[in-house]
């Protein structure tokens, strides 16, 4: 059997599962979980980082996960002291994009109430 036909599973697994690559993924462990993608062969990055409950994918894109090959490439750049976006490849807290909007609305309502107390 050729090595290219084998898949590497870098995701976390139970302690009794024998896998030399287990836990070597580059997903942010607090905000996401590693899910293996089969068919990528004997190469690193054969996984995707899916956001945990309470977190969301931070980019406006048609996919909702962070690709493991991108994580591996950006981590490699980080190790070589090249510019890297590895720190941006994390899921954000769900609803974080709308917090600013709600906060501004509350401030605006309070200011409006101070200026025109009879309106509210």
N, C-alpha and C. Protein backbone atom coordinates (compact mmCIF):
# COMPACT_ATOMS: atom_id res chain seq x y z
N UNK A 1 0.85 -1.18 0.00
CA UNK A 1 0.00 0.00 0.00
C UNK A 1 0.89 1.24 0.00
N UNK A 2 0.53 2.21 -0.81
CA UNK A 2 1.30 3.45 -0.91
C UNK A 2 0.89 4.39 0.23
N UNK A 3 1.86 5.18 0.70
CA UNK A 3 1.58 6.12 1.78
C UNK A 3 0.56 7.18 1.36
N UNK A 4 0.54 7.54 0.09
CA UNK A 4 -0.41 8.55 -0.39
C UNK A 4 -1.86 8.10 -0.24
N UNK A 5 -2.06 6.80 -0.13
CA UNK A 5 -3.41 6.26 0.00
C UNK A 5 -3.90 6.23 1.45
N UNK A 6 -3.00 6.46 2.39
CA UNK A 6 -3.36 6.47 3.81
C UNK A 6 -3.75 7.88 4.24
N UNK A 7 -4.66 7.98 5.17
CA UNK A 7 -5.06 9.27 5.73
C UNK A 7 -4.43 9.45 7.10
N UNK A 8 -4.00 10.67 7.38
CA UNK A 8 -3.50 11.01 8.71
C UNK A 8 -4.65 11.61 9.50
N UNK A 9 -4.88 11.12 10.69
CA UNK A 9 -5.89 11.70 11.58
C UNK A 9 -5.17 12.44 12.70
N UNK A 10 -5.13 13.78 12.60
CA UNK A 10 -4.44 14.60 13.59
C UNK A 10 -5.36 15.03 14.73
N UNK A 11 -6.63 14.69 14.65
CA UNK A 11 -7.60 15.14 15.65
C UNK A 11 -7.43 14.39 16.96
N UNK A 12 -7.95 14.98 18.04
CA UNK A 12 -7.91 14.34 19.35
C UNK A 12 -8.76 13.08 19.32
N UNK A 13 -8.36 12.12 20.12
CA UNK A 13 -9.10 10.86 20.20
C UNK A 13 -8.95 10.32 21.62
N UNK A 14 -9.66 9.25 21.92
CA UNK A 14 -9.56 8.63 23.24
C UNK A 14 -8.13 8.17 23.50
N UNK A 15 -7.77 8.10 24.76
CA UNK A 15 -6.40 7.77 25.15
C UNK A 15 -5.97 6.37 24.70
N UNK A 16 -6.91 5.46 24.56
CA UNK A 16 -6.56 4.09 24.21
C UNK A 16 -6.43 3.86 22.70
N UNK A 17 -6.79 4.84 21.88
CA UNK A 17 -6.66 4.72 20.43
C UNK A 17 -5.20 4.98 20.05
N UNK A 18 -4.60 4.01 19.37
CA UNK A 18 -3.20 4.15 18.98
C UNK A 18 -3.11 4.94 17.69
N UNK A 19 -2.54 6.13 17.78
CA UNK A 19 -2.39 7.00 16.62
C UNK A 19 -1.23 7.95 16.92
N UNK A 20 -0.17 7.84 16.15
CA UNK A 20 1.02 8.66 16.38
C UNK A 20 0.77 10.14 16.12
N UNK A 21 -0.24 10.47 15.31
CA UNK A 21 -0.52 11.86 14.95
C UNK A 21 -1.63 12.47 15.79
N UNK A 22 -2.19 11.71 16.71
CA UNK A 22 -3.33 12.15 17.52
C UNK A 22 -2.98 13.42 18.29
N UNK A 23 -3.86 14.43 18.20
CA UNK A 23 -3.69 15.67 18.94
C UNK A 23 -2.70 16.64 18.35
N UNK A 24 -2.23 16.40 17.12
CA UNK A 24 -1.24 17.31 16.51
C UNK A 24 -1.89 18.36 15.62
N UNK A 25 -3.20 18.50 15.67
CA UNK A 25 -3.89 19.52 14.87
C UNK A 25 -3.57 20.91 15.41
N UNK A 26 -3.85 21.93 14.61
CA UNK A 26 -3.56 23.31 14.98
C UNK A 26 -4.83 24.13 15.23
N UNK A 27 -5.95 23.47 15.50
CA UNK A 27 -7.19 24.18 15.82
C UNK A 27 -7.06 24.84 17.19
N UNK A 28 -7.72 25.98 17.36
CA UNK A 28 -7.80 26.61 18.67
C UNK A 28 -8.68 25.73 19.55
N UNK A 29 -8.10 25.15 20.57
CA UNK A 29 -8.82 24.14 21.37
C UNK A 29 -9.94 24.74 22.22
N UNK A 30 -9.89 26.02 22.52
CA UNK A 30 -10.94 26.63 23.33
C UNK A 30 -12.19 26.91 22.51
N UNK A 31 -12.02 27.39 21.28
CA UNK A 31 -13.17 27.84 20.51
C UNK A 31 -13.62 26.88 19.42
N UNK A 32 -12.83 25.85 19.12
CA UNK A 32 -13.20 24.95 18.03
C UNK A 32 -12.79 23.52 18.33
N UNK A 33 -13.29 22.61 17.50
CA UNK A 33 -12.92 21.20 17.63
C UNK A 33 -12.47 20.69 16.26
N UNK A 34 -11.59 19.74 16.30
CA UNK A 34 -11.02 19.16 15.09
C UNK A 34 -11.92 18.04 14.57
N UNK A 35 -12.19 18.07 13.27
CA UNK A 35 -12.98 17.02 12.61
C UNK A 35 -12.16 16.52 11.42
N UNK A 36 -11.82 15.22 11.38
CA UNK A 36 -11.00 14.72 10.28
C UNK A 36 -11.73 14.76 8.94
N UNK A 37 -10.97 15.05 7.89
CA UNK A 37 -11.48 15.00 6.52
C UNK A 37 -10.75 13.85 5.83
N UNK A 38 -11.47 12.84 5.44
CA UNK A 38 -10.86 11.68 4.80
C UNK A 38 -10.60 11.96 3.32
N UNK A 39 -9.57 11.32 2.80
CA UNK A 39 -9.27 11.45 1.38
C UNK A 39 -8.18 12.45 1.06
N UNK A 40 -7.57 13.07 2.04
CA UNK A 40 -6.51 14.03 1.77
C UNK A 40 -5.13 13.39 1.75
N UNK A 41 -5.06 12.11 2.04
CA UNK A 41 -3.80 11.38 1.92
C UNK A 41 -2.86 11.58 3.09
N UNK A 42 -1.63 11.14 2.88
CA UNK A 42 -0.60 11.15 3.92
C UNK A 42 0.05 12.54 3.95
N UNK A 43 -0.70 13.52 4.39
CA UNK A 43 -0.24 14.90 4.45
C UNK A 43 -0.91 15.58 5.65
N UNK A 44 -0.23 16.56 6.22
CA UNK A 44 -0.81 17.27 7.36
C UNK A 44 -1.95 18.17 6.88
N UNK A 45 -2.84 18.50 7.78
CA UNK A 45 -3.95 19.39 7.47
C UNK A 45 -5.18 18.68 6.96
N UNK A 46 -5.29 17.39 7.15
CA UNK A 46 -6.46 16.64 6.70
C UNK A 46 -7.60 16.73 7.70
N UNK A 47 -7.94 17.93 8.10
CA UNK A 47 -9.00 18.14 9.09
C UNK A 47 -9.61 19.52 8.89
N UNK A 48 -10.70 19.75 9.58
CA UNK A 48 -11.31 21.08 9.61
C UNK A 48 -11.58 21.44 11.06
N UNK A 49 -11.53 22.72 11.36
CA UNK A 49 -11.80 23.23 12.70
C UNK A 49 -13.22 23.78 12.71
N UNK A 50 -14.13 23.08 13.36
CA UNK A 50 -15.51 23.54 13.47
C UNK A 50 -15.70 24.24 14.80
N UNK A 51 -16.45 25.32 14.78
CA UNK A 51 -16.65 26.13 15.98
C UNK A 51 -17.48 25.38 17.01
N UNK A 52 -17.09 25.50 18.26
CA UNK A 52 -17.84 24.92 19.37
C UNK A 52 -19.13 25.69 19.59
N UNK A 53 -20.02 25.11 20.38
CA UNK A 53 -21.26 25.80 20.72
C UNK A 53 -20.91 27.06 21.50
N UNK A 54 -21.54 28.17 21.14
CA UNK A 54 -21.25 29.46 21.77
C UNK A 54 -20.24 30.27 21.00
N UNK A 55 -19.68 29.70 19.93
CA UNK A 55 -18.73 30.40 19.07
C UNK A 55 -19.23 30.34 17.64
N UNK A 56 -18.71 31.25 16.79
CA UNK A 56 -19.13 31.27 15.40
C UNK A 56 -17.93 31.52 14.49
N UNK A 57 -18.09 31.12 13.23
CA UNK A 57 -17.06 31.34 12.22
C UNK A 57 -16.90 32.84 12.01
N UNK A 58 -15.68 33.38 12.08
CA UNK A 58 -15.51 34.83 12.12
C UNK A 58 -15.57 35.55 10.77
N UNK A 59 -15.57 34.83 9.67
CA UNK A 59 -15.51 35.48 8.37
C UNK A 59 -16.83 35.37 7.63
N UNK A 60 -17.12 36.34 6.78
CA UNK A 60 -18.33 36.33 5.96
C UNK A 60 -18.01 35.51 4.71
N UNK A 61 -18.27 34.22 4.78
CA UNK A 61 -17.84 33.29 3.74
C UNK A 61 -18.91 32.22 3.56
N UNK A 62 -18.82 31.46 2.48
CA UNK A 62 -19.81 30.41 2.24
C UNK A 62 -19.51 29.13 3.02
N UNK A 63 -18.32 29.02 3.60
CA UNK A 63 -18.02 27.87 4.45
C UNK A 63 -18.13 28.29 5.91
N UNK A 64 -18.27 27.32 6.79
CA UNK A 64 -18.44 27.66 8.21
C UNK A 64 -17.40 26.97 9.08
N UNK A 65 -16.26 26.67 8.51
CA UNK A 65 -15.18 26.04 9.27
C UNK A 65 -13.84 26.57 8.78
N UNK A 66 -12.80 26.32 9.55
CA UNK A 66 -11.45 26.73 9.18
C UNK A 66 -10.73 25.48 8.68
N UNK A 67 -10.18 25.55 7.49
CA UNK A 67 -9.54 24.39 6.87
C UNK A 67 -8.20 24.10 7.54
N UNK A 68 -7.94 22.83 7.79
CA UNK A 68 -6.72 22.42 8.46
C UNK A 68 -5.46 22.70 7.66
N UNK A 69 -5.54 22.63 6.33
CA UNK A 69 -4.37 22.92 5.51
C UNK A 69 -3.96 24.38 5.64
N UNK A 70 -4.94 25.27 5.79
CA UNK A 70 -4.63 26.68 6.00
C UNK A 70 -3.99 26.87 7.37
N UNK A 71 -4.53 26.21 8.38
CA UNK A 71 -3.95 26.29 9.73
C UNK A 71 -2.50 25.82 9.73
N UNK A 72 -2.24 24.70 9.08
CA UNK A 72 -0.88 24.16 9.03
C UNK A 72 0.07 25.10 8.31
N UNK A 73 -0.37 25.67 7.18
CA UNK A 73 0.49 26.58 6.40
C UNK A 73 0.79 27.85 7.19
N UNK A 74 -0.21 28.41 7.85
CA UNK A 74 0.00 29.64 8.63
C UNK A 74 0.85 29.38 9.87
N UNK A 75 0.70 28.20 10.47
CA UNK A 75 1.53 27.85 11.63
C UNK A 75 2.99 27.69 11.20
N UNK A 76 3.21 27.12 10.02
CA UNK A 76 4.57 26.97 9.48
C UNK A 76 5.20 28.34 9.26
N UNK A 77 4.44 29.30 8.73
CA UNK A 77 4.95 30.67 8.56
C UNK A 77 5.31 31.28 9.91
N UNK A 78 4.48 31.02 10.91
CA UNK A 78 4.73 31.54 12.25
C UNK A 78 6.05 31.01 12.80
N UNK A 79 6.33 29.73 12.59
CA UNK A 79 7.57 29.13 13.07
C UNK A 79 8.80 29.69 12.36
N UNK A 80 8.63 30.10 11.10
CA UNK A 80 9.75 30.65 10.32
C UNK A 80 9.87 32.16 10.46
N UNK A 81 9.08 32.77 11.36
CA UNK A 81 9.07 34.22 11.58
C UNK A 81 8.67 35.02 10.35
N UNK A 82 7.81 34.45 9.52
CA UNK A 82 7.23 35.17 8.40
C UNK A 82 5.89 35.75 8.85
N UNK A 83 5.40 36.78 8.16
CA UNK A 83 4.06 37.28 8.50
C UNK A 83 3.02 36.17 8.36
N UNK A 84 2.16 36.07 9.37
CA UNK A 84 1.20 34.97 9.41
C UNK A 84 -0.15 35.46 9.93
N UNK A 85 -1.22 34.81 9.48
CA UNK A 85 -2.55 35.11 10.01
C UNK A 85 -3.04 34.00 10.92
N UNK A 86 -2.13 33.24 11.47
CA UNK A 86 -2.50 32.11 12.32
C UNK A 86 -3.37 32.54 13.50
N UNK A 87 -3.06 33.69 14.09
CA UNK A 87 -3.82 34.16 15.25
C UNK A 87 -5.25 34.57 14.91
N UNK A 88 -5.54 34.78 13.63
CA UNK A 88 -6.90 35.14 13.24
C UNK A 88 -7.75 33.92 12.91
N UNK A 89 -7.15 32.74 12.90
CA UNK A 89 -7.87 31.52 12.53
C UNK A 89 -8.50 30.89 13.76
N UNK A 90 -9.32 31.66 14.44
CA UNK A 90 -10.03 31.19 15.62
C UNK A 90 -11.50 31.57 15.48
N UNK A 91 -12.36 30.82 16.11
CA UNK A 91 -13.78 31.17 16.13
C UNK A 91 -14.00 32.27 17.16
N UNK A 92 -14.92 33.17 16.86
CA UNK A 92 -15.21 34.25 17.81
C UNK A 92 -16.44 33.89 18.64
N UNK A 93 -16.61 34.60 19.73
CA UNK A 93 -17.77 34.38 20.58
C UNK A 93 -19.03 34.72 19.78
N UNK A 94 -20.02 33.86 19.83
CA UNK A 94 -21.24 34.05 19.04
C UNK A 94 -21.92 35.35 19.41
N UNK A 95 -22.34 36.09 18.39
CA UNK A 95 -23.01 37.36 18.61
C UNK A 95 -22.07 38.52 18.82
N UNK A 96 -20.78 38.30 18.71
CA UNK A 96 -19.80 39.37 18.97
C UNK A 96 -19.92 40.49 17.94
N UNK A 97 -20.33 40.16 16.72
CA UNK A 97 -20.45 41.18 15.69
C UNK A 97 -21.59 42.14 15.99
N UNK A 98 -22.61 41.68 16.69
CA UNK A 98 -23.77 42.53 16.94
C UNK A 98 -23.70 43.25 18.28
N UNK A 99 -22.72 42.93 19.12
CA UNK A 99 -22.61 43.58 20.43
C UNK A 99 -22.39 45.08 20.27
N UNK A 100 -21.52 45.46 19.35
CA UNK A 100 -21.23 46.87 19.13
C UNK A 100 -22.49 47.61 18.70
N UNK A 101 -23.26 47.01 17.79
CA UNK A 101 -24.49 47.65 17.33
C UNK A 101 -25.49 47.85 18.45
N UNK A 102 -25.67 46.87 19.30
CA UNK A 102 -26.60 46.99 20.42
C UNK A 102 -26.11 48.03 21.43
N UNK A 103 -24.83 48.05 21.67
CA UNK A 103 -24.26 49.01 22.61
C UNK A 103 -24.48 50.44 22.11
N UNK A 104 -24.24 50.67 20.82
CA UNK A 104 -24.45 52.00 20.25
C UNK A 104 -25.92 52.40 20.30
N UNK A 105 -26.82 51.45 20.09
CA UNK A 105 -28.24 51.75 20.16
C UNK A 105 -28.63 52.19 21.57
N UNK A 106 -28.12 51.52 22.59
CA UNK A 106 -28.42 51.87 23.98
C UNK A 106 -27.89 53.26 24.30
N UNK A 107 -26.66 53.55 23.89
CA UNK A 107 -26.08 54.88 24.12
C UNK A 107 -26.92 55.95 23.42
N UNK A 108 -27.31 55.69 22.18
CA UNK A 108 -28.13 56.65 21.44
C UNK A 108 -29.47 56.88 22.14
N UNK A 109 -30.10 55.82 22.62
CA UNK A 109 -31.38 55.95 23.31
C UNK A 109 -31.23 56.76 24.60
N UNK A 110 -30.15 56.53 25.34
CA UNK A 110 -29.92 57.29 26.57
C UNK A 110 -29.68 58.77 26.28
N UNK A 111 -28.90 59.05 25.25
CA UNK A 111 -28.67 60.45 24.88
C UNK A 111 -29.96 61.12 24.42
N UNK A 112 -30.74 60.40 23.65
CA UNK A 112 -32.01 60.94 23.17
C UNK A 112 -32.95 61.22 24.35
N UNK A 113 -32.94 60.34 25.34
CA UNK A 113 -33.78 60.52 26.52
C UNK A 113 -33.33 61.73 27.34
N UNK A 114 -32.03 61.99 27.39
CA UNK A 114 -31.53 63.16 28.13
C UNK A 114 -31.90 64.46 27.42
N UNK A 115 -31.82 64.44 26.08
CA UNK A 115 -32.12 65.66 25.32
C UNK A 115 -33.62 65.90 25.26
N UNK A 116 -34.39 64.87 25.00
CA UNK A 116 -35.84 64.97 24.89
C UNK A 116 -36.49 64.01 25.88
N UNK A 117 -36.58 64.36 27.16
CA UNK A 117 -37.10 63.43 28.16
C UNK A 117 -38.58 63.07 27.96
N UNK A 118 -39.31 63.86 27.25
CA UNK A 118 -40.74 63.59 27.06
C UNK A 118 -41.00 62.57 25.94
N UNK A 119 -40.00 62.23 25.14
CA UNK A 119 -40.20 61.28 24.04
C UNK A 119 -40.25 59.84 24.55
N UNK A 120 -39.32 59.48 25.41
CA UNK A 120 -39.25 58.08 25.87
C UNK A 120 -39.96 57.91 27.16
